[in-house]
Every structure is written in structure tokens, then in C-alpha cells.
Amino acid sequence: MSHEPQWLEPDYDEKHQQDLAPLLGEGELSLQDPEAPPAAATEDTLASPPSNYGATADEPAAGGKKPKSIVVPRGSKATADDASAATKESQSVISQLALKPHVPPQNPCLWLFHLLQGLATITSFLLLVSQLLPLVMPSSKVTHPDILSAILKVYVSLICLAFIIVEAELPVPFMRDSTLLNAFWSRGFIYSFIGLVCTTEAYSERVDDLITHSSQRFYIGWVAIFMQVVAWMMFGIGAVYMGLGITCMRGLRDRMKQKERDMWKQYRDDMRVWKQQSHK
């Protein structure tokens, strides 16, 4: 009799299997899934893409089977024709919005020149008013000028009127074609000269007002002060124009203005064409 344990005897395995047969059944045990594809087929599947890889909805797959199309029920409100019409309409709206011309951008450097023109126009108008006030106001408010001073005021008023026409770019032939008034250096020289003349004139009128109204302790010659302030403004604008003329900025301004005119003309033509196409 062997002294080995019972579970090491060779006959014990067969007897143990017979005892467990009613519970586990007969056959061989395996860790592989009987329903799984073979290993070779699995490797082929991983190595190659699906047969319909890269096919679109309208193209058949490699096996010859076409994909199923979505069928819209006959009783539904949204039909296939309505969907296609809505798609075409949205595409046309998007294309119209994409083709709409854009507004030309503003040039900040050109706006600085426009600002200088606006200041020069306003200053010329104010200087014109300051020259006319002593001629129309009563003698109790301001000292009336003598004949020579009145003639000087008329000359300065006409020059200020010419400045306004030049700065506003009004279509006056002999003003627009004048090199003396359109060149920045000569324009600045005339502006500064008129500013100095009006400053001296305002100073003399202030002295005359103080002498005339010496009996009034708190009298202030507002008209002469107004003329003096505006005259200094004119002198400053003239100095700026002279600086721009020395640096040859007139040609740069003209090129920027011409470019802006061309851009706006092209924009108006494109908008006209776009409106005609959008109303079709």
C-alpha cells in the first residue's frame, strides 16, 4: 500500500471526473470562446479597413450594398422638397451676405488734415466776425475805427472770406487754381501774416477802448480781446501750415485723398451691382 496522498494517485483523476460529471458535464475545458472568430481572421480584420471605409452616402460599399436612405413619411410637414428649397435659400442668403461690399476703412492721417482744414475754416470765420463787429456795433459798446482802420478791416474780411473758400474747397475756379493759396508753405505764410496784423490791430483797439471808457472803472473791451485770441489762433494755424509745407506733406495728402476717392467710387459701384443682384 502506497503512503502517498490519495489525490496524487493516477486513478483518482478518473474517479473524480466521474463524480463531477453530473454537475459539470463531460468534455474538455478550454479558455477560448467557441463563438469567437479564428485568430487568423481577427488579424486580417485588424490589418485591413472595413469594406465601406471612405464611401459617401451616395456611393455603394465594396460589397455592392447601398446604404439605406432616410425616408420622410408622407404625412409629415417637412418634405424632402421643402428641405432642399430651404437649403438653397439659406445658401443664397449666405452667398449674398458674403458678396456684399465692405465699407472702405478710414485713414487716420487723412483725418488729421481734415481736422486742420476744419480749424482753419472756423478760425477764418471767427476772424471775419471780429473784423465786422466794430463796424456794426454802436459806439457805446465799442470804439468806432477811423477811415484807415475801417479800410483795413474790409481788406482783412475779404482775405478771411478767401481763406474760407480755399479751406472748404468750394468750386471757385481762380481760387482752386491759385498756387499761392493751395501750396502749404505760402498758405501758412499768409495765415501767419494776417494773424500778426490782426494781433497788432486788436492791441491798438484795446488801448483805444481803455482811453475812451476810462471813466468806467470795470470796463473790459471784449471785442478787442476776442479779436486778439482769434488772431493768435490764425497765427498758430499758419505756422502749422508752414511746417507741413517745408516737409512736403502736400503731395502725401493729395495722394491719400485721391486713394480715398477711388475707394469710395469703387464701393458705390459695387453696392449698386450688389443691390441689382439681390433684387433678382
C-alpha atoms as a PDB file:
ATOM      1  CA  MET A   1       0.000   0.000   0.000  1.00  0.00           C
ATOM      2  CA  SER A   2       1.352   3.322  -1.013  1.00  0.00           C
ATOM      3  CA  HIS A   3       1.891   6.036   1.564  1.00  0.00           C
ATOM      4  CA  GLU A   4       1.268   8.877  -0.984  1.00  0.00           C
ATOM      5  CA  PRO A   5      -1.786  11.129  -0.618  1.00  0.00           C
ATOM      6  CA  GLN A   6      -4.921   9.982  -2.316  1.00  0.00           C
ATOM      7  CA  TRP A   7      -5.159  12.982  -4.701  1.00  0.00           C
ATOM      8  CA  LEU A   8      -1.724  12.109  -6.163  1.00  0.00           C
ATOM      9  CA  GLU A   9      -2.769   8.626  -7.306  1.00  0.00           C
ATOM     10  CA  PRO A  10      -3.393   8.375 -11.106  1.00  0.00           C
ATOM     11  CA  ASP A  11      -6.688   6.537 -10.665  1.00  0.00           C
ATOM     12  CA  TYR A  12      -8.028   9.331  -8.514  1.00  0.00           C
ATOM     13  CA  ASP A  13      -8.397  11.748 -11.517  1.00  0.00           C
ATOM     14  CA  GLU A  14     -10.718   9.474 -13.434  1.00  0.00           C
ATOM     15  CA  LYS A  15     -12.782   8.722 -10.370  1.00  0.00           C
ATOM     16  CA  HIS A  16     -13.025  12.421  -9.525  1.00  0.00           C
ATOM     17  CA  GLN A  17     -14.198  13.279 -13.051  1.00  0.00           C
ATOM     18  CA  GLN A  18     -16.879  10.612 -12.895  1.00  0.00           C
ATOM     19  CA  ASP A  19     -18.106  12.030  -9.609  1.00  0.00           C
ATOM     20  CA  LEU A  20     -18.331  15.626 -11.016  1.00  0.00           C
ATOM     21  CA  ALA A  21     -19.814  14.658 -14.399  1.00  0.00           C
ATOM     22  CA  PRO A  22     -23.439  15.125 -13.291  1.00  0.00           C
ATOM     23  CA  LEU A  23     -22.594  18.714 -12.211  1.00  0.00           C
ATOM     24  CA  LEU A  24     -20.147  19.993 -14.880  1.00  0.00           C
ATOM     25  CA  GLY A  25     -20.861  17.703 -17.791  1.00  0.00           C
ATOM     26  CA  GLU A  26     -18.454  15.714 -19.844  1.00  0.00           C
ATOM     27  CA  GLY A  27     -15.910  17.153 -22.275  1.00  0.00           C
ATOM     28  CA  GLU A  28     -12.694  19.149 -22.303  1.00  0.00           C
ATOM     29  CA  LEU A  29     -12.381  22.527 -20.618  1.00  0.00           C
ATOM     30  CA  SER A  30     -10.951  25.447 -22.673  1.00  0.00           C
ATOM     31  CA  LEU A  31     -10.363  29.160 -22.076  1.00  0.00           C
ATOM     32  CA  GLN A  32     -11.222  30.118 -25.666  1.00  0.00           C
ATOM     33  CA  ASP A  33     -14.653  31.406 -26.715  1.00  0.00           C
ATOM     34  CA  PRO A  34     -16.206  28.835 -29.079  1.00  0.00           C
ATOM     35  CA  GLU A  35     -18.202  31.592 -30.846  1.00  0.00           C
ATOM     36  CA  ALA A  36     -15.181  33.893 -31.436  1.00  0.00           C
ATOM     37  CA  PRO A  37     -13.622  34.013 -34.962  1.00  0.00           C
ATOM     38  CA  PRO A  38     -10.318  32.286 -35.526  1.00  0.00           C
ATOM     39  CA  ALA A  39      -7.102  34.097 -34.695  1.00  0.00           C
ATOM     40  CA  ALA A  40      -6.101  34.480 -38.362  1.00  0.00           C
ATOM     41  CA  ALA A  41      -9.413  36.116 -39.223  1.00  0.00           C
ATOM     42  CA  THR A  42      -9.015  38.543 -36.314  1.00  0.00           C
ATOM     43  CA  GLU A  43      -5.562  39.583 -37.513  1.00  0.00           C
ATOM     44  CA  ASP A  44      -6.885  40.173 -41.038  1.00  0.00           C
ATOM     45  CA  THR A  45      -9.712  42.282 -39.670  1.00  0.00           C
ATOM     46  CA  LEU A  46      -7.296  44.487 -37.709  1.00  0.00           C
ATOM     47  CA  ALA A  47      -4.879  44.844 -40.615  1.00  0.00           C
ATOM     48  CA  SER A  48      -7.439  45.820 -43.294  1.00  0.00           C
ATOM     49  CA  PRO A  49     -10.050  48.615 -43.043  1.00  0.00           C
ATOM     50  CA  PRO A  50     -13.755  47.975 -43.477  1.00  0.00           C
ATOM     51  CA  SER A  51     -15.000  47.376 -46.976  1.00  0.00           C
ATOM     52  CA  ASN A  52     -17.082  50.540 -46.992  1.00  0.00           C
ATOM     53  CA  TYR A  53     -14.366  52.772 -45.447  1.00  0.00           C
ATOM     54  CA  GLY A  54     -14.318  56.208 -47.128  1.00  0.00           C
ATOM     55  CA  ALA A  55     -17.561  55.697 -49.058  1.00  0.00           C
ATOM     56  CA  THR A  56     -20.115  58.506 -49.115  1.00  0.00           C
ATOM     57  CA  ALA A  57     -23.844  58.192 -48.671  1.00  0.00           C
ATOM     58  CA  ASP A  58     -24.462  58.041 -52.444  1.00  0.00           C
ATOM     59  CA  GLU A  59     -21.654  55.540 -53.230  1.00  0.00           C
ATOM     60  CA  PRO A  60     -22.198  51.791 -52.745  1.00  0.00           C
ATOM     61  CA  ALA A  61     -19.916  49.877 -50.431  1.00  0.00           C
ATOM     62  CA  ALA A  62     -17.355  47.396 -51.650  1.00  0.00           C
ATOM     63  CA  GLY A  63     -19.810  44.546 -51.127  1.00  0.00           C
ATOM     64  CA  GLY A  64     -22.259  46.102 -53.586  1.00  0.00           C
ATOM     65  CA  LYS A  65     -24.841  47.072 -50.959  1.00  0.00           C
ATOM     66  CA  LYS A  66     -26.029  50.660 -50.979  1.00  0.00           C
ATOM     67  CA  PRO A  67     -26.582  52.451 -47.682  1.00  0.00           C
ATOM     68  CA  LYS A  68     -30.099  52.858 -46.544  1.00  0.00           C
ATOM     69  CA  SER A  69     -31.611  56.281 -47.331  1.00  0.00           C
ATOM     70  CA  ILE A  70     -33.766  58.132 -44.868  1.00  0.00           C
ATOM     71  CA  VAL A  71     -37.390  58.079 -45.944  1.00  0.00           C
ATOM     72  CA  VAL A  72     -39.550  61.003 -44.862  1.00  0.00           C
ATOM     73  CA  PRO A  73     -43.078  59.923 -44.017  1.00  0.00           C
ATOM     74  CA  ARG A  74     -45.723  61.075 -46.455  1.00  0.00           C
ATOM     75  CA  GLY A  75     -47.890  62.625 -43.795  1.00  0.00           C
ATOM     76  CA  SER A  76     -45.097  64.753 -42.199  1.00  0.00           C
ATOM     77  CA  LYS A  77     -44.956  68.555 -42.721  1.00  0.00           C
ATOM     78  CA  ALA A  78     -41.252  68.763 -43.664  1.00  0.00           C
ATOM     79  CA  THR A  79     -40.839  67.008 -47.016  1.00  0.00           C
ATOM     80  CA  ALA A  80     -37.644  66.435 -48.932  1.00  0.00           C
ATOM     81  CA  ASP A  81     -38.509  69.232 -51.418  1.00  0.00           C
ATOM     82  CA  ASP A  82     -39.045  71.705 -48.591  1.00  0.00           C
ATOM     83  CA  ALA A  83     -35.732  70.767 -47.031  1.00  0.00           C
ATOM     84  CA  SER A  84     -33.858  71.199 -50.319  1.00  0.00           C
ATOM     85  CA  ALA A  85     -35.602  74.522 -51.004  1.00  0.00           C
ATOM     86  CA  ALA A  86     -34.722  75.803 -47.530  1.00  0.00           C
ATOM     87  CA  THR A  87     -31.128  74.704 -48.028  1.00  0.00           C
ATOM     88  CA  LYS A  88     -30.873  76.516 -51.364  1.00  0.00           C
ATOM     89  CA  GLU A  89     -32.435  79.658 -49.894  1.00  0.00           C
ATOM     90  CA  SER A  90     -30.042  79.688 -46.940  1.00  0.00           C
ATOM     91  CA  GLN A  91     -27.100  79.159 -49.277  1.00  0.00           C
ATOM     92  CA  SER A  92     -28.227  82.070 -51.475  1.00  0.00           C
ATOM     93  CA  VAL A  93     -28.592  84.356 -48.435  1.00  0.00           C
ATOM     94  CA  ILE A  94     -25.144  83.378 -47.186  1.00  0.00           C
ATOM     95  CA  SER A  95     -23.616  83.984 -50.615  1.00  0.00           C
ATOM     96  CA  GLN A  96     -25.293  87.406 -50.864  1.00  0.00           C
ATOM     97  CA  LEU A  97     -24.019  88.415 -47.441  1.00  0.00           C
ATOM     98  CA  ALA A  98     -20.544  87.171 -48.308  1.00  0.00           C
ATOM     99  CA  LEU A  99     -20.506  89.131 -51.580  1.00  0.00           C
ATOM    100  CA  LYS A 100     -21.759  92.398 -50.024  1.00  0.00           C
ATOM    101  CA  PRO A 101     -19.099  95.102 -50.445  1.00  0.00           C
ATOM    102  CA  HIS A 102     -17.386  96.321 -47.312  1.00  0.00           C
ATOM    103  CA  VAL A 103     -17.213  99.991 -46.350  1.00  0.00           C
ATOM    104  CA  PRO A 104     -13.739 101.417 -47.097  1.00  0.00           C
ATOM    105  CA  PRO A 105     -11.635 101.950 -43.950  1.00  0.00           C
ATOM    106  CA  GLN A 106     -10.897 105.436 -42.687  1.00  0.00           C
ATOM    107  CA  ASN A 107      -7.384 106.849 -42.926  1.00  0.00           C
ATOM    108  CA  PRO A 108      -6.414 108.489 -39.590  1.00  0.00           C
ATOM    109  CA  CYS A 109      -3.614 110.513 -41.189  1.00  0.00           C
ATOM    110  CA  LEU A 110      -6.045 111.984 -43.695  1.00  0.00           C
ATOM    111  CA  TRP A 111      -8.428 112.826 -40.859  1.00  0.00           C
ATOM    112  CA  LEU A 112      -5.684 114.929 -39.257  1.00  0.00           C
ATOM    113  CA  PHE A 113      -5.505 117.006 -42.432  1.00  0.00           C
ATOM    114  CA  HIS A 114      -9.310 117.312 -42.409  1.00  0.00           C
ATOM    115  CA  LEU A 115      -9.147 118.447 -38.782  1.00  0.00           C
ATOM    116  CA  LEU A 116      -6.619 121.128 -39.680  1.00  0.00           C
ATOM    117  CA  GLN A 117      -8.849 122.276 -42.546  1.00  0.00           C
ATOM    118  CA  GLY A 118     -11.835 122.473 -40.220  1.00  0.00           C
ATOM    119  CA  LEU A 119      -9.932 124.505 -37.620  1.00  0.00           C
ATOM    120  CA  ALA A 120      -8.651 126.873 -40.303  1.00  0.00           C
ATOM    121  CA  THR A 121     -12.175 127.361 -41.672  1.00  0.00           C
ATOM    122  CA  ILE A 122     -13.651 128.080 -38.220  1.00  0.00           C
ATOM    123  CA  THR A 123     -10.790 130.431 -37.315  1.00  0.00           C
ATOM    124  CA  SER A 124     -11.169 132.347 -40.587  1.00  0.00           C
ATOM    125  CA  PHE A 125     -14.880 132.749 -39.962  1.00  0.00           C
ATOM    126  CA  LEU A 126     -14.322 133.970 -36.397  1.00  0.00           C
ATOM    127  CA  LEU A 127     -11.671 136.416 -37.565  1.00  0.00           C
ATOM    128  CA  LEU A 128     -14.126 137.713 -40.169  1.00  0.00           C
ATOM    129  CA  VAL A 129     -16.727 138.232 -37.435  1.00  0.00           C
ATOM    130  CA  SER A 130     -14.193 140.043 -35.235  1.00  0.00           C
ATOM    131  CA  GLN A 131     -13.449 142.447 -38.099  1.00  0.00           C
ATOM    132  CA  LEU A 132     -17.104 143.226 -38.766  1.00  0.00           C
ATOM    133  CA  LEU A 133     -18.227 143.700 -35.152  1.00  0.00           C
ATOM    134  CA  PRO A 134     -16.591 147.136 -34.617  1.00  0.00           C
ATOM    135  CA  LEU A 135     -18.235 148.345 -37.837  1.00  0.00           C
ATOM    136  CA  VAL A 136     -21.797 147.367 -36.897  1.00  0.00           C
ATOM    137  CA  MET A 137     -21.874 147.701 -33.112  1.00  0.00           C
ATOM    138  CA  PRO A 138     -22.946 151.005 -31.502  1.00  0.00           C
ATOM    139  CA  SER A 139     -20.330 153.451 -30.256  1.00  0.00           C
ATOM    140  CA  SER A 140     -21.436 152.950 -26.662  1.00  0.00           C
ATOM    141  CA  LYS A 141     -20.256 149.337 -26.796  1.00  0.00           C
ATOM    142  CA  VAL A 142     -17.104 149.687 -28.849  1.00  0.00           C
ATOM    143  CA  THR A 143     -14.936 152.481 -30.237  1.00  0.00           C
ATOM    144  CA  HIS A 144     -15.634 153.016 -33.900  1.00  0.00           C
ATOM    145  CA  PRO A 145     -12.493 152.803 -36.090  1.00  0.00           C
ATOM    146  CA  ASP A 146     -11.329 155.683 -38.253  1.00  0.00           C
ATOM    147  CA  ILE A 147     -11.273 155.564 -42.050  1.00  0.00           C
ATOM    148  CA  LEU A 148      -7.932 153.776 -42.394  1.00  0.00           C
ATOM    149  CA  SER A 149      -8.821 151.199 -39.750  1.00  0.00           C
ATOM    150  CA  ALA A 150     -12.168 150.586 -41.445  1.00  0.00           C
ATOM    151  CA  ILE A 151     -10.481 150.050 -44.811  1.00  0.00           C
ATOM    152  CA  LEU A 152      -8.021 147.621 -43.202  1.00  0.00           C
ATOM    153  CA  LYS A 153     -10.908 145.698 -41.678  1.00  0.00           C
ATOM    154  CA  VAL A 154     -12.577 145.404 -45.073  1.00  0.00           C
ATOM    155  CA  TYR A 155      -9.359 144.044 -46.613  1.00  0.00           C
ATOM    156  CA  VAL A 156      -8.899 141.537 -43.809  1.00  0.00           C
ATOM    157  CA  SER A 157     -12.548 140.483 -44.095  1.00  0.00           C
ATOM    158  CA  LEU A 158     -12.145 139.765 -47.817  1.00  0.00           C
ATOM    159  CA  ILE A 159      -8.984 137.776 -47.169  1.00  0.00           C
ATOM    160  CA  CYS A 160     -10.762 135.747 -44.471  1.00  0.00           C
ATOM    161  CA  LEU A 161     -13.579 135.055 -46.937  1.00  0.00           C
ATOM    162  CA  ALA A 162     -10.974 133.803 -49.444  1.00  0.00           C
ATOM    163  CA  PHE A 163      -9.486 131.564 -46.726  1.00  0.00           C
ATOM    164  CA  ILE A 164     -12.912 130.033 -46.073  1.00  0.00           C
ATOM    165  CA  ILE A 165     -13.416 129.307 -49.787  1.00  0.00           C
ATOM    166  CA  VAL A 166      -9.982 127.672 -50.075  1.00  0.00           C
ATOM    167  CA  GLU A 167     -10.306 125.563 -46.920  1.00  0.00           C
ATOM    168  CA  ALA A 168     -13.835 124.414 -47.773  1.00  0.00           C
ATOM    169  CA  GLU A 169     -12.634 123.516 -51.310  1.00  0.00           C
ATOM    170  CA  LEU A 170     -15.554 125.308 -52.931  1.00  0.00           C
ATOM    171  CA  PRO A 171     -15.624 125.163 -56.758  1.00  0.00           C
ATOM    172  CA  VAL A 172     -14.350 128.691 -57.396  1.00  0.00           C
ATOM    173  CA  PRO A 173     -12.016 128.471 -60.440  1.00  0.00           C
ATOM    174  CA  PHE A 174      -9.453 131.165 -59.667  1.00  0.00           C
ATOM    175  CA  MET A 175      -9.328 130.090 -56.022  1.00  0.00           C
ATOM    176  CA  ARG A 176      -8.834 126.375 -56.688  1.00  0.00           C
ATOM    177  CA  ASP A 177      -6.158 127.007 -59.312  1.00  0.00           C
ATOM    178  CA  SER A 178      -4.203 129.506 -57.221  1.00  0.00           C
ATOM    179  CA  THR A 179      -0.792 128.111 -56.343  1.00  0.00           C
ATOM    180  CA  LEU A 180      -0.260 130.801 -53.731  1.00  0.00           C
ATOM    181  CA  LEU A 181      -3.328 129.742 -51.729  1.00  0.00           C
ATOM    182  CA  ASN A 182      -3.076 125.975 -52.288  1.00  0.00           C
ATOM    183  CA  ALA A 183       0.608 125.424 -51.530  1.00  0.00           C
ATOM    184  CA  PHE A 184       1.032 124.730 -47.826  1.00  0.00           C
ATOM    185  CA  TRP A 185       4.099 126.900 -47.311  1.00  0.00           C
ATOM    186  CA  SER A 186       2.664 130.043 -48.984  1.00  0.00           C
ATOM    187  CA  ARG A 187      -0.735 129.473 -47.372  1.00  0.00           C
ATOM    188  CA  GLY A 188       0.850 129.231 -43.940  1.00  0.00           C
ATOM    189  CA  PHE A 189       2.874 132.374 -44.604  1.00  0.00           C
ATOM    190  CA  ILE A 190      -0.281 134.363 -45.495  1.00  0.00           C
ATOM    191  CA  TYR A 191      -2.183 132.967 -42.489  1.00  0.00           C
ATOM    192  CA  SER A 192       0.568 133.871 -40.050  1.00  0.00           C
ATOM    193  CA  PHE A 193       0.953 137.334 -41.592  1.00  0.00           C
ATOM    194  CA  ILE A 194      -2.778 138.078 -41.262  1.00  0.00           C
ATOM    195  CA  GLY A 195      -2.673 136.749 -37.705  1.00  0.00           C
ATOM    196  CA  LEU A 196       0.131 139.162 -36.775  1.00  0.00           C
ATOM    197  CA  VAL A 197      -1.669 142.092 -38.416  1.00  0.00           C
ATOM    198  CA  CYS A 198      -4.894 141.343 -36.540  1.00  0.00           C
ATOM    199  CA  THR A 199      -2.999 140.882 -33.253  1.00  0.00           C
ATOM    200  CA  THR A 200      -1.458 144.365 -33.586  1.00  0.00           C
ATOM    201  CA  GLU A 201      -4.835 145.756 -34.590  1.00  0.00           C
ATOM    202  CA  ALA A 202      -6.543 144.189 -31.581  1.00  0.00           C
ATOM    203  CA  TYR A 203      -3.920 145.552 -29.220  1.00  0.00           C
ATOM    204  CA  SER A 204      -4.362 149.115 -30.523  1.00  0.00           C
ATOM    205  CA  GLU A 205      -8.135 148.832 -30.292  1.00  0.00           C
ATOM    206  CA  ARG A 206      -7.892 147.660 -26.686  1.00  0.00           C
ATOM    207  CA  VAL A 207      -5.820 150.736 -25.831  1.00  0.00           C
ATOM    208  CA  ASP A 208      -8.347 152.998 -27.589  1.00  0.00           C
ATOM    209  CA  ASP A 209     -11.220 151.363 -25.708  1.00  0.00           C
ATOM    210  CA  LEU A 210      -9.492 151.860 -22.364  1.00  0.00           C
ATOM    211  CA  ILE A 211      -8.821 155.519 -23.135  1.00  0.00           C
ATOM    212  CA  THR A 212     -12.354 156.132 -24.381  1.00  0.00           C
ATOM    213  CA  HIS A 213     -14.006 154.355 -21.449  1.00  0.00           C
ATOM    214  CA  SER A 214     -11.531 155.494 -18.802  1.00  0.00           C
ATOM    215  CA  SER A 215     -14.384 156.839 -16.690  1.00  0.00           C
ATOM    216  CA  GLN A 216     -15.764 153.290 -16.377  1.00  0.00           C
ATOM    217  CA  ARG A 217     -13.703 151.517 -13.767  1.00  0.00           C
ATOM    218  CA  PHE A 218     -14.714 147.959 -14.677  1.00  0.00           C
ATOM    219  CA  TYR A 219     -14.868 148.329 -18.447  1.00  0.00           C
ATOM    220  CA  ILE A 220     -13.471 145.403 -20.478  1.00  0.00           C
ATOM    221  CA  GLY A 221     -13.060 145.570 -24.243  1.00  0.00           C
ATOM    222  CA  TRP A 222     -14.474 142.156 -25.092  1.00  0.00           C
ATOM    223  CA  VAL A 223     -14.441 142.738 -28.848  1.00  0.00           C
ATOM    224  CA  ALA A 224     -10.719 143.574 -28.870  1.00  0.00           C
ATOM    225  CA  ILE A 225      -9.938 140.565 -26.640  1.00  0.00           C
ATOM    226  CA  PHE A 226     -11.962 138.285 -28.921  1.00  0.00           C
ATOM    227  CA  MET A 227     -10.082 139.611 -31.961  1.00  0.00           C
ATOM    228  CA  GLN A 228      -6.731 139.113 -30.264  1.00  0.00           C
ATOM    229  CA  VAL A 229      -7.473 135.472 -29.312  1.00  0.00           C
ATOM    230  CA  VAL A 230      -8.683 134.597 -32.818  1.00  0.00           C
ATOM    231  CA  ALA A 231      -5.672 136.357 -34.368  1.00  0.00           C
ATOM    232  CA  TRP A 232      -3.288 134.236 -32.318  1.00  0.00           C
ATOM    233  CA  MET A 233      -5.191 131.124 -33.431  1.00  0.00           C
ATOM    234  CA  MET A 234      -4.749 132.173 -37.041  1.00  0.00           C
ATOM    235  CA  PHE A 235      -1.043 132.725 -36.482  1.00  0.00           C
ATOM    236  CA  GLY A 236      -0.703 129.216 -34.981  1.00  0.00           C
ATOM    237  CA  ILE A 237      -2.530 127.572 -37.893  1.00  0.00           C
ATOM    238  CA  GLY A 238      -0.286 129.458 -40.299  1.00  0.00           C
ATOM    239  CA  ALA A 239       2.812 128.167 -38.502  1.00  0.00           C
ATOM    240  CA  VAL A 240       1.496 124.575 -38.773  1.00  0.00           C
ATOM    241  CA  TYR A 241       0.867 125.003 -42.498  1.00  0.00           C
ATOM    242  CA  MET A 242       4.369 126.387 -42.982  1.00  0.00           C
ATOM    243  CA  GLY A 243       5.815 123.344 -41.205  1.00  0.00           C
ATOM    244  CA  LEU A 244       3.781 120.989 -43.400  1.00  0.00           C
ATOM    245  CA  GLY A 245       4.952 122.867 -46.487  1.00  0.00           C
ATOM    246  CA  ILE A 246       8.611 122.618 -45.505  1.00  0.00           C
ATOM    247  CA  THR A 247       8.261 118.827 -45.025  1.00  0.00           C
ATOM    248  CA  CYS A 248       6.454 118.461 -48.404  1.00  0.00           C
ATOM    249  CA  MET A 249       3.285 116.973 -46.919  1.00  0.00           C
ATOM    250  CA  ARG A 250       1.006 118.439 -49.590  1.00  0.00           C
ATOM    251  CA  GLY A 251       1.814 115.662 -52.074  1.00  0.00           C
ATOM    252  CA  LEU A 252       1.190 112.975 -49.443  1.00  0.00           C
ATOM    253  CA  ARG A 253      -2.195 114.470 -48.576  1.00  0.00           C
ATOM    254  CA  ASP A 254      -3.225 114.669 -52.235  1.00  0.00           C
ATOM    255  CA  ARG A 255      -2.311 111.013 -52.812  1.00  0.00           C
ATOM    256  CA  MET A 256      -4.281 109.889 -49.756  1.00  0.00           C
ATOM    257  CA  LYS A 257      -7.296 111.945 -50.837  1.00  0.00           C
ATOM    258  CA  GLN A 258      -7.196 110.508 -54.357  1.00  0.00           C
ATOM    259  CA  LYS A 259      -6.912 106.980 -52.996  1.00  0.00           C
ATOM    260  CA  GLU A 260      -9.892 107.570 -50.716  1.00  0.00           C
ATOM    261  CA  ARG A 261     -11.973 108.948 -53.601  1.00  0.00           C
ATOM    262  CA  ASP A 262     -11.160 105.897 -55.731  1.00  0.00           C
ATOM    263  CA  MET A 263     -12.053 103.519 -52.905  1.00  0.00           C
ATOM    264  CA  TRP A 264     -15.422 105.192 -52.292  1.00  0.00           C
ATOM    265  CA  LYS A 265     -16.197 105.297 -56.014  1.00  0.00           C
ATOM    266  CA  GLN A 266     -15.467 101.569 -56.284  1.00  0.00           C
ATOM    267  CA  TYR A 267     -17.581 100.927 -53.185  1.00  0.00           C
ATOM    268  CA  ARG A 268     -20.578 102.788 -54.629  1.00  0.00           C
ATOM    269  CA  ASP A 269     -20.300 100.887 -57.934  1.00  0.00           C
ATOM    270  CA  ASP A 270     -20.060  97.544 -56.127  1.00  0.00           C
ATOM    271  CA  MET A 271     -23.053  98.392 -53.923  1.00  0.00           C
ATOM    272  CA  ARG A 272     -25.107  99.288 -56.999  1.00  0.00           C
ATOM    273  CA  VAL A 273     -24.280  95.950 -58.631  1.00  0.00           C
ATOM    274  CA  TRP A 274     -24.927  94.047 -55.394  1.00  0.00           C
ATOM    275  CA  LYS A 275     -28.375  95.632 -54.952  1.00  0.00           C
ATOM    276  CA  GLN A 276     -29.321  94.752 -58.509  1.00  0.00           C
ATOM    277  CA  GLN A 277     -28.309  91.129 -57.993  1.00  0.00           C
ATOM    278  CA  SER A 278     -30.018  90.830 -54.620  1.00  0.00           C
ATOM    279  CA  HIS A 279     -33.378  92.031 -56.000  1.00  0.00           C
ATOM    280  CA  LYS A 280     -33.380  89.432 -58.764  1.00  0.00           C
END
